[in-house]
Protein backbone atom coordinates (compact mmCIF):
# COMPACT_ATOMS: atom_id res chain seq x y z
CA GLY A 1 84.60 95.72 108.10
CA LEU A 2 87.26 94.61 109.97
CA ARG A 3 86.04 91.87 111.77
CA PRO A 4 84.89 89.63 108.51
CA THR A 5 88.26 90.88 106.43
CA LEU A 6 90.13 89.36 109.83
CA ALA A 7 88.36 86.23 109.28
CA ALA A 8 89.27 85.88 105.77
CA VAL A 9 92.89 86.57 106.59
CA GLU A 10 92.96 84.10 109.20
CA ALA A 11 91.06 81.45 106.99
CA GLY A 12 94.05 81.80 104.52
CA LYS A 13 92.07 83.47 101.89
CA LYS A 14 93.15 86.11 99.04
CA ILE A 15 92.35 89.58 100.29
CA LEU A 16 91.94 92.44 98.04
CA LEU A 17 91.45 95.72 99.65
CA ALA A 18 89.72 98.58 97.71
CA ASN A 19 90.56 101.08 100.74
CA LYS A 20 92.86 101.13 103.62
CA GLU A 21 90.89 101.60 106.72
CA ALA A 22 91.73 98.17 107.86
CA LEU A 23 95.43 99.09 107.57
CA VAL A 24 95.28 102.66 109.06
CA MET A 25 93.14 101.15 112.03
CA SER A 26 95.12 98.32 112.89
CA GLY A 27 98.06 97.89 110.54
CA ALA A 28 100.36 95.67 112.89
CA LEU A 29 97.78 93.60 113.74
CA PHE A 30 96.39 93.08 110.46
CA MET A 31 99.73 92.31 109.13
CA GLN A 32 100.64 89.69 111.62
CA ALA A 33 97.57 88.11 111.18
CA VAL A 34 98.37 87.78 107.14
CA ARG A 35 101.89 86.72 107.72
CA LYS A 36 100.53 83.87 110.49
CA SER A 37 98.03 82.64 108.39
CA GLY A 38 100.05 82.79 104.84
CA SER A 39 97.12 84.91 103.33
CA VAL A 40 97.92 87.14 100.34
CA LEU A 41 97.10 90.82 100.38
CA LEU A 42 96.50 92.93 97.63
CA PRO A 43 95.68 96.53 97.13
CA ILE A 44 93.50 97.36 94.40
CA ASP A 45 92.65 100.89 95.18
CA SER A 46 93.20 103.37 92.27
CA GLU A 47 95.85 105.21 94.16
CA HIS A 48 99.56 104.32 92.35
CA ASN A 49 101.52 102.33 94.94
């Protein structure tokens, strides 16, 4: 879910996203939190990037 994922971002954890729902629902907020915390965001879905 979005709340636990944002909590992990704010804790500076490495985030492996298997789906895009968090980004679709709150992209700007989510990416701002990633930049602010220094967290690492890695997509691991089956679609080519």
